[in-house]
Amino acid sequence: MLRAAMGQLFDDLVAEGVKTDDLHRVGELLQDPRVTVNGHVVVSVRARRPQAQEIR
């Protein structure tokens, strides 16, 4: 997931000053099965709009 996000954000990250060499190195590290990245949180939210008679 992080590698996909990096690919999508690569140009924006470079435009913000991140070095391309650093991004490539992070990509290499993310391919290494010995590397574990903690803290990437995925949140799912569901809701529905109440029907008119439910609103009081």
PDB file of N, CA and C in Angstrom:
ATOM      1  N   MET A   1       0.819  -1.183   0.000  1.00  0.00           N
ATOM      2  CA  MET A   1       0.000   0.000   0.000  1.00  0.00           C
ATOM      3  C   MET A   1       0.871   1.258   0.000  1.00  0.00           C
ATOM      4  N   LEU A   2       1.905   1.233   0.811  1.00  0.00           N
ATOM      5  CA  LEU A   2       2.795   2.395   0.856  1.00  0.00           C
ATOM      6  C   LEU A   2       3.541   2.583  -0.466  1.00  0.00           C
ATOM      7  N   ARG A   3       3.962   1.467  -1.086  1.00  0.00           N
ATOM      8  CA  ARG A   3       4.653   1.580  -2.377  1.00  0.00           C
ATOM      9  C   ARG A   3       3.729   2.169  -3.424  1.00  0.00           C
ATOM     10  N   ALA A   4       2.475   1.759  -3.427  1.00  0.00           N
ATOM     11  CA  ALA A   4       1.509   2.294  -4.388  1.00  0.00           C
ATOM     12  C   ALA A   4       1.306   3.787  -4.151  1.00  0.00           C
ATOM     13  N   ALA A   5       1.191   4.175  -2.903  1.00  0.00           N
ATOM     14  CA  ALA A   5       1.014   5.594  -2.580  1.00  0.00           C
ATOM     15  C   ALA A   5       2.235   6.397  -3.000  1.00  0.00           C
ATOM     16  N   MET A   6       3.414   5.841  -2.778  1.00  0.00           N
ATOM     17  CA  MET A   6       4.633   6.553  -3.188  1.00  0.00           C
ATOM     18  C   MET A   6       4.668   6.753  -4.692  1.00  0.00           C
ATOM     19  N   GLY A   7       4.253   5.732  -5.426  1.00  0.00           N
ATOM     20  CA  GLY A   7       4.227   5.861  -6.880  1.00  0.00           C
ATOM     21  C   GLY A   7       3.291   6.954  -7.344  1.00  0.00           C
ATOM     22  N   GLN A   8       2.152   7.051  -6.689  1.00  0.00           N
ATOM     23  CA  GLN A   8       1.171   8.063  -7.064  1.00  0.00           C
ATOM     24  C   GLN A   8       1.604   9.460  -6.641  1.00  0.00           C
ATOM     25  N   LEU A   9       2.355   9.549  -5.567  1.00  0.00           N
ATOM     26  CA  LEU A   9       2.760  10.844  -5.027  1.00  0.00           C
ATOM     27  C   LEU A   9       4.197  11.237  -5.369  1.00  0.00           C
ATOM     28  N   PHE A  10       4.873  10.415  -6.153  1.00  0.00           N
ATOM     29  CA  PHE A  10       6.298  10.619  -6.416  1.00  0.00           C
ATOM     30  C   PHE A  10       6.600  12.046  -6.868  1.00  0.00           C
ATOM     31  N   ASP A  11       5.922  12.504  -7.909  1.00  0.00           N
ATOM     32  CA  ASP A  11       6.198  13.846  -8.445  1.00  0.00           C
ATOM     33  C   ASP A  11       5.891  14.942  -7.432  1.00  0.00           C
ATOM     34  N   ASP A  12       4.815  14.766  -6.680  1.00  0.00           N
ATOM     35  CA  ASP A  12       4.467  15.771  -5.661  1.00  0.00           C
ATOM     36  C   ASP A  12       5.506  15.803  -4.549  1.00  0.00           C
ATOM     37  N   LEU A  13       5.991  14.626  -4.151  1.00  0.00           N
ATOM     38  CA  LEU A  13       7.013  14.577  -3.108  1.00  0.00           C
ATOM     39  C   LEU A  13       8.304  15.238  -3.569  1.00  0.00           C
ATOM     40  N   VAL A  14       8.687  14.996  -4.811  1.00  0.00           N
ATOM     41  CA  VAL A  14       9.895  15.630  -5.363  1.00  0.00           C
ATOM     42  C   VAL A  14       9.697  17.144  -5.424  1.00  0.00           C
ATOM     43  N   ALA A  15       8.505  17.569  -5.830  1.00  0.00           N
ATOM     44  CA  ALA A  15       8.222  19.010  -5.905  1.00  0.00           C
ATOM     45  C   ALA A  15       8.298  19.666  -4.520  1.00  0.00           C
ATOM     46  N   GLU A  16       8.034  18.895  -3.475  1.00  0.00           N
ATOM     47  CA  GLU A  16       8.110  19.417  -2.104  1.00  0.00           C
ATOM     48  C   GLU A  16       9.517  19.334  -1.527  1.00  0.00           C
ATOM     49  N   GLY A  17      10.465  18.788  -2.306  1.00  0.00           N
ATOM     50  CA  GLY A  17      11.854  18.784  -1.860  1.00  0.00           C
ATOM     51  C   GLY A  17      12.431  17.444  -1.460  1.00  0.00           C
ATOM     52  N   VAL A  18      11.644  16.389  -1.560  1.00  0.00           N
ATOM     53  CA  VAL A  18      12.182  15.065  -1.235  1.00  0.00           C
ATOM     54  C   VAL A  18      13.090  14.626  -2.387  1.00  0.00           C
ATOM     55  N   LYS A  19      14.259  14.116  -2.059  1.00  0.00           N
ATOM     56  CA  LYS A  19      15.222  13.708  -3.085  1.00  0.00           C
ATOM     57  C   LYS A  19      14.775  12.410  -3.748  1.00  0.00           C
ATOM     58  N   THR A  20      14.924  12.338  -5.062  1.00  0.00           N
ATOM     59  CA  THR A  20      14.521  11.133  -5.791  1.00  0.00           C
ATOM     60  C   THR A  20      15.301   9.916  -5.314  1.00  0.00           C
ATOM     61  N   ASP A  21      16.578  10.103  -4.971  1.00  0.00           N
ATOM     62  CA  ASP A  21      17.369   8.983  -4.452  1.00  0.00           C
ATOM     63  C   ASP A  21      16.764   8.430  -3.168  1.00  0.00           C
ATOM     64  N   ASP A  22      16.270   9.317  -2.304  1.00  0.00           N
ATOM     65  CA  ASP A  22      15.645   8.888  -1.057  1.00  0.00           C
ATOM     66  C   ASP A  22      14.364   8.106  -1.334  1.00  0.00           C
ATOM     67  N   LEU A  23      13.564   8.576  -2.281  1.00  0.00           N
ATOM     68  CA  LEU A  23      12.324   7.874  -2.619  1.00  0.00           C
ATOM     69  C   LEU A  23      12.608   6.495  -3.205  1.00  0.00           C
ATOM     70  N   HIS A  24      13.617   6.406  -4.052  1.00  0.00           N
ATOM     71  CA  HIS A  24      13.988   5.114  -4.619  1.00  0.00           C
ATOM     72  C   HIS A  24      14.493   4.163  -3.530  1.00  0.00           C
ATOM     73  N   ARG A  25      15.250   4.690  -2.583  1.00  0.00           N
ATOM     74  CA  ARG A  25      15.759   3.856  -1.486  1.00  0.00           C
ATOM     75  C   ARG A  25      14.617   3.345  -0.624  1.00  0.00           C
ATOM     76  N   VAL A  26      13.657   4.204  -0.327  1.00  0.00           N
ATOM     77  CA  VAL A  26      12.497   3.773   0.455  1.00  0.00           C
ATOM     78  C   VAL A  26      11.736   2.691  -0.309  1.00  0.00           C
ATOM     79  N   GLY A  27      11.587   2.855  -1.617  1.00  0.00           N
ATOM     80  CA  GLY A  27      10.938   1.839  -2.435  1.00  0.00           C
ATOM     81  C   GLY A  27      11.654   0.501  -2.359  1.00  0.00           C
ATOM     82  N   GLU A  28      12.984   0.549  -2.385  1.00  0.00           N
ATOM     83  CA  GLU A  28      13.769  -0.686  -2.250  1.00  0.00           C
ATOM     84  C   GLU A  28      13.542  -1.334  -0.884  1.00  0.00           C
ATOM     85  N   LEU A  29      13.544  -0.513   0.152  1.00  0.00           N
ATOM     86  CA  LEU A  29      13.341  -1.049   1.501  1.00  0.00           C
ATOM     87  C   LEU A  29      11.960  -1.680   1.644  1.00  0.00           C
ATOM     88  N   LEU A  30      10.955  -1.094   1.025  1.00  0.00           N
ATOM     89  CA  LEU A  30       9.600  -1.632   1.124  1.00  0.00           C
ATOM     90  C   LEU A  30       9.455  -2.969   0.402  1.00  0.00           C
ATOM     91  N   GLN A  31      10.375  -3.273  -0.499  1.00  0.00           N
ATOM     92  CA  GLN A  31      10.369  -4.570  -1.178  1.00  0.00           C
ATOM     93  C   GLN A  31      11.082  -5.650  -0.367  1.00  0.00           C
ATOM     94  N   ASP A  32      11.835  -5.242   0.616  1.00  0.00           N
ATOM     95  CA  ASP A  32      12.599  -6.183   1.443  1.00  0.00           C
ATOM     96  C   ASP A  32      11.668  -6.838   2.458  1.00  0.00           C
ATOM     97  N   PRO A  33      11.507  -8.161   2.405  1.00  0.00           N
ATOM     98  CA  PRO A  33      10.591  -8.831   3.331  1.00  0.00           C
ATOM     99  C   PRO A  33      11.017  -8.744   4.800  1.00  0.00           C
ATOM    100  N   ARG A  34      12.246  -8.348   5.045  1.00  0.00           N
ATOM    101  CA  ARG A  34      12.701  -8.206   6.432  1.00  0.00           C
ATOM    102  C   ARG A  34      12.271  -6.884   7.058  1.00  0.00           C
ATOM    103  N   VAL A  35      11.811  -5.954   6.224  1.00  0.00           N
ATOM    104  CA  VAL A  35      11.426  -4.626   6.713  1.00  0.00           C
ATOM    105  C   VAL A  35       9.956  -4.639   7.107  1.00  0.00           C
ATOM    106  N   THR A  36       9.687  -4.135   8.303  1.00  0.00           N
ATOM    107  CA  THR A  36       8.321  -4.003   8.794  1.00  0.00           C
ATOM    108  C   THR A  36       8.028  -2.535   9.037  1.00  0.00           C
ATOM    109  N   VAL A  37       6.914  -2.069   8.529  1.00  0.00           N
ATOM    110  CA  VAL A  37       6.503  -0.678   8.738  1.00  0.00           C
ATOM    111  C   VAL A  37       5.244  -0.709   9.586  1.00  0.00           C
ATOM    112  N   ASN A  38       5.306  -0.091  10.735  1.00  0.00           N
ATOM    113  CA  ASN A  38       4.152  -0.019  11.638  1.00  0.00           C
ATOM    114  C   ASN A  38       3.531   1.370  11.572  1.00  0.00           C
ATOM    115  N   GLY A  39       2.255   1.429  11.838  1.00  0.00           N
ATOM    116  CA  GLY A  39       1.616   2.732  11.974  1.00  0.00           C
ATOM    117  C   GLY A  39       0.797   3.180  10.784  1.00  0.00           C
ATOM    118  N   HIS A  40       0.739   2.376   9.721  1.00  0.00           N
ATOM    119  CA  HIS A  40      -0.102   2.752   8.580  1.00  0.00           C
ATOM    120  C   HIS A  40      -1.520   2.321   8.901  1.00  0.00           C
ATOM    121  N   VAL A  41      -2.360   3.282   9.215  1.00  0.00           N
ATOM    122  CA  VAL A  41      -3.706   2.991   9.687  1.00  0.00           C
ATOM    123  C   VAL A  41      -4.701   3.117   8.535  1.00  0.00           C
ATOM    124  N   VAL A  42      -5.592   2.145   8.442  1.00  0.00           N
ATOM    125  CA  VAL A  42      -6.676   2.184   7.469  1.00  0.00           C
ATOM    126  C   VAL A  42      -7.979   2.292   8.250  1.00  0.00           C
ATOM    127  N   VAL A  43      -8.810   3.256   7.879  1.00  0.00           N
ATOM    128  CA  VAL A  43     -10.068   3.481   8.580  1.00  0.00           C
ATOM    129  C   VAL A  43     -11.207   3.340   7.592  1.00  0.00           C
ATOM    130  N   SER A  44     -12.242   2.637   7.992  1.00  0.00           N
ATOM    131  CA  SER A  44     -13.433   2.491   7.172  1.00  0.00           C
ATOM    132  C   SER A  44     -14.618   3.067   7.944  1.00  0.00           C
ATOM    133  N   VAL A  45     -15.435   3.854   7.269  1.00  0.00           N
ATOM    134  CA  VAL A  45     -16.587   4.477   7.903  1.00  0.00           C
ATOM    135  C   VAL A  45     -17.808   4.256   7.033  1.00  0.00           C
ATOM    136  N   ARG A  46     -18.913   3.900   7.681  1.00  0.00           N
ATOM    137  CA  ARG A  46     -20.180   3.738   6.968  1.00  0.00           C
ATOM    138  C   ARG A  46     -21.226   4.604   7.635  1.00  0.00           C
ATOM    139  N   ALA A  47     -22.130   5.098   6.841  1.00  0.00           N
ATOM    140  CA  ALA A  47     -23.238   5.893   7.378  1.00  0.00           C
ATOM    141  C   ALA A  47     -24.385   5.845   6.392  1.00  0.00           C
ATOM    142  N   ARG A  48     -25.537   6.244   6.857  1.00  0.00           N
ATOM    143  CA  ARG A  48     -26.683   6.350   5.957  1.00  0.00           C
ATOM    144  C   ARG A  48     -27.446   7.605   6.338  1.00  0.00           C
ATOM    145  N   ARG A  49     -28.093   8.174   5.366  1.00  0.00           N
ATOM    146  CA  ARG A  49     -28.904   9.357   5.601  1.00  0.00           C
ATOM    147  C   ARG A  49     -30.249   8.882   6.175  1.00  0.00           C
ATOM    148  N   PRO A  50     -30.690   9.448   7.295  1.00  0.00           N
ATOM    149  CA  PRO A  50     -31.963   9.028   7.849  1.00  0.00           C
ATOM    150  C   PRO A  50     -33.120   9.414   6.937  1.00  0.00           C
ATOM    151  N   GLN A  51     -34.154   8.592   6.929  1.00  0.00           N
ATOM    152  CA  GLN A  51     -35.344   8.922   6.149  1.00  0.00           C
ATOM    153  C   GLN A  51     -36.074  10.064   6.844  1.00  0.00           C
ATOM    154  N   ALA A  52     -36.881  10.795   6.108  1.00  0.00           N
ATOM    155  CA  ALA A  52     -37.547  11.992   6.618  1.00  0.00           C
ATOM    156  C   ALA A  52     -38.310  11.728   7.913  1.00  0.00           C
ATOM    157  N   GLN A  53     -39.019  10.601   8.034  1.00  0.00           N
ATOM    158  CA  GLN A  53     -39.801  10.339   9.240  1.00  0.00           C
ATOM    159  C   GLN A  53     -38.921  10.046  10.449  1.00  0.00           C
ATOM    160  N   GLU A  54     -37.633   9.701  10.245  1.00  0.00           N
ATOM    161  CA  GLU A  54     -36.737   9.432  11.377  1.00  0.00           C
ATOM    162  C   GLU A  54     -36.167  10.697  11.974  1.00  0.00           C
ATOM    163  N   ILE A  55     -36.218  11.800  11.252  1.00  0.00           N
ATOM    164  CA  ILE A  55     -35.670  13.060  11.730  1.00  0.00           C
ATOM    165  C   ILE A  55     -36.684  13.719  12.657  1.00  0.00           C
ATOM    166  N   ARG A  56     -36.280  14.084  13.862  1.00  0.00           N
ATOM    167  CA  ARG A  56     -37.197  14.722  14.829  1.00  0.00           C
ATOM    168  C   ARG A  56     -36.648  16.025  15.300  1.00  0.00           C
TER     169      ARG A  56
END
